[in-house]
C-alpha atoms as a PDB file:
ATOM      1  CA  MET A   1     -26.306 -16.270  12.464  1.00  0.00           C
ATOM      2  CA  GLU A   2     -23.761 -18.481  10.111  1.00  0.00           C
ATOM      3  CA  ILE A   3     -21.409 -15.686   8.582  1.00  0.00           C
ATOM      4  CA  ALA A   4     -18.299 -16.395   6.691  1.00  0.00           C
ATOM      5  CA  VAL A   5     -16.087 -13.111   5.852  1.00  0.00           C
ATOM      6  CA  ILE A   6     -13.085 -12.600   3.055  1.00  0.00           C
ATOM      7  CA  SER A   7     -10.965  -9.872   2.201  1.00  0.00           C
ATOM      8  CA  ASP A   8      -7.780  -8.533   0.511  1.00  0.00           C
ATOM      9  CA  LEU A   9      -8.937 -10.400  -3.067  1.00  0.00           C
ATOM     10  CA  HIS A  10      -7.363  -7.064  -4.881  1.00  0.00           C
ATOM     11  CA  LEU A  11      -9.246  -8.092  -8.639  1.00  0.00           C
ATOM     12  CA  GLY A  12      -8.147  -6.110 -11.288  1.00  0.00           C
ATOM     13  CA  PRO A  13      -8.115  -5.980 -14.600  1.00  0.00           C
ATOM     14  CA  GLY A  14      -5.923  -9.207 -15.639  1.00  0.00           C
ATOM     15  CA  GLY A  15      -2.300  -8.610 -16.003  1.00  0.00           C
ATOM     16  CA  ALA A  16       0.645  -8.201 -13.610  1.00  0.00           C
ATOM     17  CA  VAL A  17      -1.085  -5.310 -11.920  1.00  0.00           C
ATOM     18  CA  ASP A  18      -3.595  -8.144 -11.235  1.00  0.00           C
ATOM     19  CA  GLY A  19      -2.814  -8.992  -7.219  1.00  0.00           C
ATOM     20  CA  PHE A  20      -5.615 -12.001  -7.695  1.00  0.00           C
ATOM     21  CA  GLY A  21      -3.503 -14.232  -8.482  1.00  0.00           C
ATOM     22  CA  HIS A  22      -6.824 -17.385  -8.921  1.00  0.00           C
ATOM     23  CA  ASP A  23      -7.991 -19.408 -11.540  1.00  0.00           C
ATOM     24  CA  ASP A  24     -11.589 -17.563 -11.551  1.00  0.00           C
ATOM     25  CA  SER A  25     -13.330 -20.335 -12.166  1.00  0.00           C
ATOM     26  CA  GLU A  26     -11.969 -22.718  -8.796  1.00  0.00           C
ATOM     27  CA  PHE A  27     -12.884 -19.169  -7.137  1.00  0.00           C
ATOM     28  CA  VAL A  28     -16.419 -19.193  -8.278  1.00  0.00           C
ATOM     29  CA  ARG A  29     -16.404 -23.039  -6.454  1.00  0.00           C
ATOM     30  CA  PHE A  30     -15.264 -21.972  -3.570  1.00  0.00           C
ATOM     31  CA  LEU A  31     -18.356 -19.097  -3.688  1.00  0.00           C
ATOM     32  CA  ALA A  32     -21.102 -21.542  -3.942  1.00  0.00           C
ATOM     33  CA  PHE A  33     -19.093 -23.640  -0.963  1.00  0.00           C
ATOM     34  CA  LEU A  34     -19.206 -20.198   1.533  1.00  0.00           C
ATOM     35  CA  GLU A  35     -23.051 -19.769  -0.388  1.00  0.00           C
ATOM     36  CA  ALA A  36     -24.252 -23.172   0.301  1.00  0.00           C
ATOM     37  CA  ASN A  37     -22.680 -23.360   3.923  1.00  0.00           C
ATOM     38  CA  PHE A  38     -23.481 -19.517   5.542  1.00  0.00           C
ATOM     39  CA  GLU A  39     -26.670 -17.268   5.635  1.00  0.00           C
ATOM     40  CA  ARG A  40     -24.577 -14.153   5.064  1.00  0.00           C
ATOM     41  CA  ILE A  41     -21.076 -13.478   3.605  1.00  0.00           C
ATOM     42  CA  VAL A  42     -19.017 -10.128   4.129  1.00  0.00           C
ATOM     43  CA  LEU A  43     -16.762  -8.685   1.853  1.00  0.00           C
ATOM     44  CA  LEU A  44     -14.942  -6.846   4.080  1.00  0.00           C
ATOM     45  CA  GLY A  45     -12.595  -4.079   2.082  1.00  0.00           C
ATOM     46  CA  ASP A  46     -10.210  -3.922  -0.891  1.00  0.00           C
ATOM     47  CA  ILE A  47     -12.175  -6.434  -3.299  1.00  0.00           C
ATOM     48  CA  TRP A  48     -11.273  -4.549  -6.175  1.00  0.00           C
ATOM     49  CA  GLU A  49      -8.033  -2.982  -7.076  1.00  0.00           C
ATOM     50  CA  THR A  50      -8.252   0.274  -8.427  1.00  0.00           C
ATOM     51  CA  LEU A  51      -5.685   2.451  -7.601  1.00  0.00           C
ATOM     52  CA  THR A  52      -2.865   0.395  -9.889  1.00  0.00           C
ATOM     53  CA  GLY A  53      -3.763   2.083 -13.359  1.00  0.00           C
ATOM     54  CA  SER A  54      -1.153   3.066 -15.973  1.00  0.00           C
ATOM     55  CA  LEU A  55      -1.945   6.972 -15.091  1.00  0.00           C
ATOM     56  CA  PRO A  56      -3.111   7.508 -11.372  1.00  0.00           C
ATOM     57  CA  GLY A  57      -5.840   9.380 -10.509  1.00  0.00           C
ATOM     58  CA  ASP A  58      -9.160   7.243 -12.620  1.00  0.00           C
ATOM     59  CA  PRO A  59     -10.739   4.653  -9.532  1.00  0.00           C
ATOM     60  CA  ALA A  60     -13.419   3.977 -11.100  1.00  0.00           C
ATOM     61  CA  ALA A  61     -12.699   3.325 -14.379  1.00  0.00           C
ATOM     62  CA  GLU A  62     -10.124   0.468 -12.864  1.00  0.00           C
ATOM     63  CA  LEU A  63     -13.353  -0.618 -10.617  1.00  0.00           C
ATOM     64  CA  LEU A  64     -14.944  -0.797 -13.747  1.00  0.00           C
ATOM     65  CA  ALA A  65     -11.832  -2.914 -15.548  1.00  0.00           C
ATOM     66  CA  ALA A  66     -11.295  -4.620 -12.741  1.00  0.00           C
ATOM     67  CA  ARG A  67     -15.012  -5.940 -13.054  1.00  0.00           C
ATOM     68  CA  LEU A  68     -15.090  -6.153 -16.144  1.00  0.00           C
ATOM     69  CA  ALA A  69     -11.798  -8.373 -16.352  1.00  0.00           C
ATOM     70  CA  HIS A  70     -13.849 -10.978 -13.491  1.00  0.00           C
ATOM     71  CA  PRO A  71     -17.180 -10.768 -14.548  1.00  0.00           C
ATOM     72  CA  GLU A  72     -18.864 -14.137 -12.746  1.00  0.00           C
ATOM     73  CA  ILE A  73     -17.467 -13.027  -9.506  1.00  0.00           C
ATOM     74  CA  GLY A  74     -18.616  -9.323  -9.954  1.00  0.00           C
ATOM     75  CA  ARG A  75     -22.119 -10.691 -10.230  1.00  0.00           C
ATOM     76  CA  ARG A  76     -22.210 -13.268  -7.687  1.00  0.00           C
ATOM     77  CA  PHE A  77     -21.507 -10.439  -5.455  1.00  0.00           C
ATOM     78  CA  SER A  78     -23.771  -7.373  -6.740  1.00  0.00           C
ATOM     79  CA  GLY A  79     -26.772  -9.981  -4.874  1.00  0.00           C
ATOM     80  CA  PRO A  80     -27.431 -11.507  -1.768  1.00  0.00           C
ATOM     81  CA  PRO A  81     -25.957 -13.350   0.031  1.00  0.00           C
ATOM     82  CA  TYR A  82     -23.552 -10.858   0.021  1.00  0.00           C
ATOM     83  CA  THR A  83     -22.773  -7.833   2.264  1.00  0.00           C
ATOM     84  CA  TYR A  84     -20.170  -5.541   0.820  1.00  0.00           C
ATOM     85  CA  ILE A  85     -17.387  -3.017   2.839  1.00  0.00           C
ATOM     86  CA  HIS A  86     -15.091  -0.922   0.862  1.00  0.00           C
ATOM     87  CA  GLY A  87     -11.605  -0.797   2.142  1.00  0.00           C
ATOM     88  CA  ASN A  88      -8.959   1.884   0.923  1.00  0.00           C
ATOM     89  CA  HIS A  89      -8.081   0.067  -2.591  1.00  0.00           C
ATOM     90  CA  ASP A  90     -11.269  -0.161  -3.487  1.00  0.00           C
ATOM     91  CA  LEU A  91     -13.078   3.556  -1.574  1.00  0.00           C
ATOM     92  CA  VAL A  92     -14.249   4.994  -4.981  1.00  0.00           C
ATOM     93  CA  ALA A  93     -16.894   1.786  -4.266  1.00  0.00           C
ATOM     94  CA  GLY A  94     -18.374   4.100  -1.281  1.00  0.00           C
ATOM     95  CA  ALA A  95     -19.089   6.612  -4.115  1.00  0.00           C
ATOM     96  CA  VAL A  96     -19.437   4.408  -7.407  1.00  0.00           C
ATOM     97  CA  LEU A  97     -21.534   1.756  -6.373  1.00  0.00           C
ATOM     98  CA  GLY A  98     -22.888   3.111  -2.714  1.00  0.00           C
ATOM     99  CA  VAL A  99     -20.983   0.703  -0.376  1.00  0.00           C
ATOM    100  CA  PRO A 100     -20.270   1.755   3.173  1.00  0.00           C
ATOM    101  CA  ASP A 101     -16.776   1.566   5.442  1.00  0.00           C
ATOM    102  CA  GLU A 102     -18.229  -0.132   7.984  1.00  0.00           C
ATOM    103  CA  PHE A 103     -21.145  -2.693   8.762  1.00  0.00           C
ATOM    104  CA  ALA A 104     -22.445  -3.447  12.721  1.00  0.00           C
ATOM    105  CA  ILE A 105     -24.921  -6.295  13.566  1.00  0.00           C
ATOM    106  CA  GLU A 106     -26.298  -7.781  16.016  1.00  0.00           C
ATOM    107  CA  ALA A 107     -27.201 -12.023  16.626  1.00  0.00           C
ATOM    108  CA  ASP A 108     -28.080 -14.393  18.919  1.00  0.00           C
ATOM    109  CA  GLY A 109     -26.806 -11.280  21.396  1.00  0.00           C
ATOM    110  CA  VAL A 110     -23.037 -11.005  19.800  1.00  0.00           C
ATOM    111  CA  ARG A 111     -22.094  -7.489  18.747  1.00  0.00           C
ATOM    112  CA  LEU A 112     -20.404  -7.678  15.689  1.00  0.00           C
ATOM    113  CA  LEU A 113     -18.919  -5.126  13.847  1.00  0.00           C
ATOM    114  CA  PHE A 114     -17.365  -5.286  10.771  1.00  0.00           C
ATOM    115  CA  THR A 115     -14.410  -2.889   9.179  1.00  0.00           C
ATOM    116  CA  HIS A 116     -11.661  -3.085   6.435  1.00  0.00           C
ATOM    117  CA  GLY A 117      -9.495  -1.642   9.142  1.00  0.00           C
ATOM    118  CA  HIS A 118      -7.589   1.204   6.875  1.00  0.00           C
ATOM    119  CA  GLN A 119      -9.400   4.141   8.952  1.00  0.00           C
ATOM    120  CA  GLY A 120      -6.909   3.203  11.781  1.00  0.00           C
ATOM    121  CA  ASP A 121      -4.121   3.068   9.279  1.00  0.00           C
ATOM    122  CA  THR A 122      -2.419   6.458  10.284  1.00  0.00           C
ATOM    123  CA  LEU A 123      -0.443   7.050   6.984  1.00  0.00           C
ATOM    124  CA  ILE A 124      -3.558   6.642   5.280  1.00  0.00           C
ATOM    125  CA  ALA A 125      -5.446   8.920   7.927  1.00  0.00           C
ATOM    126  CA  ARG A 126      -3.415  11.591   7.464  1.00  0.00           C
ATOM    127  CA  ARG A 127      -2.120  11.276   3.721  1.00  0.00           C
ATOM    128  CA  ARG A 128      -3.958   9.118   1.896  1.00  0.00           C
ATOM    129  CA  TRP A 129      -2.313  10.662  -1.426  1.00  0.00           C
ATOM    130  CA  LEU A 130       0.475   9.172  -0.203  1.00  0.00           C
ATOM    131  CA  SER A 131      -0.209   5.468   0.698  1.00  0.00           C
ATOM    132  CA  GLU A 132      -1.917   6.016  -3.023  1.00  0.00           C
ATOM    133  CA  LEU A 133       0.966   6.962  -4.864  1.00  0.00           C
ATOM    134  CA  GLY A 134       2.855   4.043  -2.824  1.00  0.00           C
ATOM    135  CA  VAL A 135       0.302   1.491  -3.813  1.00  0.00           C
ATOM    136  CA  TRP A 136       0.326   2.608  -7.873  1.00  0.00           C
ATOM    137  CA  LEU A 137       3.831   2.768  -7.591  1.00  0.00           C
ATOM    138  CA  GLY A 138       3.626  -0.512  -6.641  1.00  0.00           C
ATOM    139  CA  GLY A 139       1.759  -0.816 -10.055  1.00  0.00           C
ATOM    140  CA  TRP A 140       4.064  -0.161 -11.592  1.00  0.00           C
ATOM    141  CA  ILE A 141       7.007  -1.710 -10.137  1.00  0.00           C
ATOM    142  CA  ARG A 142       4.821  -5.771 -10.663  1.00  0.00           C
ATOM    143  CA  ARG A 143       4.558  -4.237 -14.271  1.00  0.00           C
ATOM    144  CA  LEU A 144       8.342  -4.175 -15.110  1.00  0.00           C
ATOM    145  CA  GLY A 145       8.813  -7.487 -13.698  1.00  0.00           C
ATOM    146  CA  LEU A 146      10.753  -6.880 -10.453  1.00  0.00           C
ATOM    147  CA  ALA A 147       8.853  -9.061  -7.864  1.00  0.00           C
ATOM    148  CA  PRO A 148      11.655  -9.254  -5.704  1.00  0.00           C
ATOM    149  CA  LEU A 149      11.459  -5.385  -5.334  1.00  0.00           C
ATOM    150  CA  TYR A 150       7.337  -5.543  -4.886  1.00  0.00           C
ATOM    151  CA  ARG A 151       7.835  -8.333  -1.718  1.00  0.00           C
ATOM    152  CA  LEU A 152      10.330  -5.909  -0.162  1.00  0.00           C
ATOM    153  CA  LEU A 153       8.164  -3.182   0.111  1.00  0.00           C
ATOM    154  CA  SER A 154       5.195  -5.103   0.553  1.00  0.00           C
ATOM    155  CA  SER A 155       6.515  -6.354   3.744  1.00  0.00           C
ATOM    156  CA  ALA A 156       8.027  -3.331   4.994  1.00  0.00           C
ATOM    157  CA  ASP A 157       4.562  -2.247   4.841  1.00  0.00           C
ATOM    158  CA  THR A 158       3.548  -4.433   7.151  1.00  0.00           C
ATOM    159  CA  TRP A 159       6.583  -3.505   9.477  1.00  0.00           C
ATOM    160  CA  ARG A 160       5.146   0.541   9.219  1.00  0.00           C
ATOM    161  CA  THR A 161       1.637  -1.048  10.281  1.00  0.00           C
ATOM    162  CA  GLY A 162       2.789  -2.239  12.984  1.00  0.00           C
ATOM    163  CA  SER A 163       1.423  -6.078  12.337  1.00  0.00           C
ATOM    164  CA  SER A 164       1.978  -8.795  13.148  1.00  0.00           C
ATOM    165  CA  GLU A 165       1.316 -12.689  14.094  1.00  0.00           C
ATOM    166  CA  ASP A 166       1.729 -12.045  17.465  1.00  0.00           C
ATOM    167  CA  SER A 167      -1.317 -10.674  19.233  1.00  0.00           C
ATOM    168  CA  THR A 168       0.552  -8.753  21.656  1.00  0.00           C
ATOM    169  CA  ARG A 169       2.979  -7.327  19.185  1.00  0.00           C
ATOM    170  CA  CYS A 170       0.511  -6.046  16.557  1.00  0.00           C
ATOM    171  CA  ALA A 171      -0.094  -1.974  17.042  1.00  0.00           C
ATOM    172  CA  PHE A 172      -3.162  -2.692  14.339  1.00  0.00           C
ATOM    173  CA  GLN A 173      -5.387  -5.443  16.537  1.00  0.00           C
ATOM    174  CA  ARG A 174      -4.147  -2.597  19.687  1.00  0.00           C
ATOM    175  CA  GLU A 175      -5.253   0.327  17.570  1.00  0.00           C
ATOM    176  CA  TRP A 176      -8.613  -1.849  16.962  1.00  0.00           C
ATOM    177  CA  VAL A 177      -9.513  -3.461  19.933  1.00  0.00           C
ATOM    178  CA  ASP A 178      -9.614   0.456  21.711  1.00  0.00           C
ATOM    179  CA  GLN A 179     -11.688   1.437  19.382  1.00  0.00           C
ATOM    180  CA  ALA A 180     -13.882  -1.534  19.836  1.00  0.00           C
ATOM    181  CA  THR A 181     -13.865  -0.887  23.132  1.00  0.00           C
ATOM    182  CA  ARG A 182     -15.231   2.355  23.411  1.00  0.00           C
ATOM    183  CA  ARG A 183     -17.822   1.785  21.193  1.00  0.00           C
ATOM    184  CA  ASP A 184     -19.404  -1.708  23.072  1.00  0.00           C
ATOM    185  CA  VAL A 185     -18.860  -4.308  20.473  1.00  0.00           C
ATOM    186  CA  ASP A 186     -18.413  -8.019  21.753  1.00  0.00           C
ATOM    187  CA  ILE A 187     -15.733  -8.877  17.976  1.00  0.00           C
ATOM    188  CA  VAL A 188     -14.584  -6.649  15.738  1.00  0.00           C
ATOM    189  CA  VAL A 189     -13.758  -7.818  12.085  1.00  0.00           C
ATOM    190  CA  THR A 190     -11.274  -6.450  10.368  1.00  0.00           C
ATOM    191  CA  GLY A 191      -8.802  -6.999   7.022  1.00  0.00           C
ATOM    192  CA  HIS A 192      -5.810  -4.713   5.680  1.00  0.00           C
ATOM    193  CA  THR A 193      -3.063  -6.923   6.880  1.00  0.00           C
ATOM    194  CA  HIS A 194      -3.562  -9.700   5.372  1.00  0.00           C
ATOM    195  CA  ILE A 195      -2.968 -11.230   8.264  1.00  0.00           C
ATOM    196  CA  ALA A 196      -5.554 -13.880   9.606  1.00  0.00           C
ATOM    197  CA  ALA A 197      -6.033 -13.791  13.327  1.00  0.00           C
ATOM    198  CA  ARG A 198      -8.547 -15.268  16.145  1.00  0.00           C
ATOM    199  CA  ALA A 199      -7.415 -13.014  19.399  1.00  0.00           C
ATOM    200  CA  GLU A 200      -8.970 -12.580  22.340  1.00  0.00           C
ATOM    201  CA  HIS A 201      -8.705  -9.417  24.420  1.00  0.00           C
ATOM    202  CA  GLY A 202     -10.531 -10.319  27.958  1.00  0.00           C
ATOM    203  CA  ASN A 203     -14.259 -10.452  26.921  1.00  0.00           C
ATOM    204  CA  LEU A 204     -13.173  -8.877  23.478  1.00  0.00           C
ATOM    205  CA  LEU A 205     -12.634 -11.153  20.946  1.00  0.00           C
ATOM    206  CA  TYR A 206     -10.764  -9.461  17.381  1.00  0.00           C
ATOM    207  CA  LEU A 207     -11.547 -11.262  14.355  1.00  0.00           C
ATOM    208  CA  ASN A 208      -8.780 -10.461  10.916  1.00  0.00           C
ATOM    209  CA  SER A 209     -10.155 -12.457   8.017  1.00  0.00           C
ATOM    210  CA  GLY A 210      -6.688 -12.705   5.879  1.00  0.00           C
ATOM    211  CA  SER A 211      -6.211 -12.339   2.543  1.00  0.00           C
ATOM    212  CA  CYS A 212      -7.868 -13.824  -0.602  1.00  0.00           C
ATOM    213  CA  SER A 213      -4.768 -12.564  -2.781  1.00  0.00           C
ATOM    214  CA  ASP A 214      -1.775 -13.528  -4.418  1.00  0.00           C
ATOM    215  CA  GLY A 215      -3.358 -16.998  -4.796  1.00  0.00           C
ATOM    216  CA  LYS A 216      -3.906 -17.683  -1.500  1.00  0.00           C
ATOM    217  CA  LEU A 217      -6.847 -18.661   0.437  1.00  0.00           C
ATOM    218  CA  SER A 218      -8.004 -17.410   3.191  1.00  0.00           C
ATOM    219  CA  TYR A 219     -11.310 -16.674   5.316  1.00  0.00           C
ATOM    220  CA  LEU A 220     -13.137 -16.530   8.755  1.00  0.00           C
ATOM    221  CA  ALA A 221     -16.337 -18.731   9.639  1.00  0.00           C
ATOM    222  CA  ILE A 222     -18.440 -16.714  12.474  1.00  0.00           C
ATOM    223  CA  ASP A 223     -21.687 -19.270  13.610  1.00  0.00           C
ATOM    224  CA  THR A 224     -22.876 -16.573  16.731  1.00  0.00           C
ATOM    225  CA  LYS A 225     -25.276 -18.860  17.681  1.00  0.00           C
ATOM    226  CA  ARG A 226     -22.919 -21.964  18.911  1.00  0.00           C
ATOM    227  CA  SER A 227     -20.001 -18.892  19.423  1.00  0.00           C
ATOM    228  CA  ASN A 228     -17.773 -20.475  17.194  1.00  0.00           C
ATOM    229  CA  TYR A 229     -15.298 -17.994  15.465  1.00  0.00           C
ATOM    230  CA  SER A 230     -12.480 -19.808  13.440  1.00  0.00           C
ATOM    231  CA  VAL A 231     -10.548 -18.864  10.307  1.00  0.00           C
ATOM    232  CA  HIS A 232     -10.010 -21.236   7.658  1.00  0.00           C
ATOM    233  CA  THR A 233      -6.738 -21.601   4.725  1.00  0.00           C
ATOM    234  CA  GLY A 234      -8.961 -24.076   2.537  1.00  0.00           C
ATOM    235  CA  PHE A 235     -12.193 -25.677   2.288  1.00  0.00           C
END
């Protein structure tokens, strides 16, 4: 099976708090490329940004506003060949749209687990309210035009999660490799960190889809029949 994976688009309602950073028509061209070349496209969480409203506490309204701001992208995501898994920024999609928080499949004898990965983030697992407050404050920092401060805080959050491009030092990656080992899968695929990755851990393969927010482009190409697994930053 040929599967593409994208995550962390952070599609918002437009304006300063919309972290997507792409022209919608150009991104639709990218989606058309994926649709033409892959049997399934997995949307691996944080597709919509629902935590940066002017007032906190109404993610369902923010989800609706984001979908209205990006109608063609939302329309495509609602049908085949897309499989949508929610993350922590679009957690409300679980209740509103019935979206799961993980997806497991066996294809060509390969067992794969797809999850956004926020479940392995200690702060979100134990103090989700604090994490969401931080995201909301980050939205106001963007509204106020304090981009350097926002980048500094984003870097601090990357350090907090133990995320690293070096697979031997990435605590987040080790956590999901351990979970995948316990669940007896061959490949675990996450997003969340915005750091694209392909790393072998013995017989287990860890993949991270990176991010398609802030104007960046990253996707995973998975071909279970040919055992090809790669990270791409263009098309």
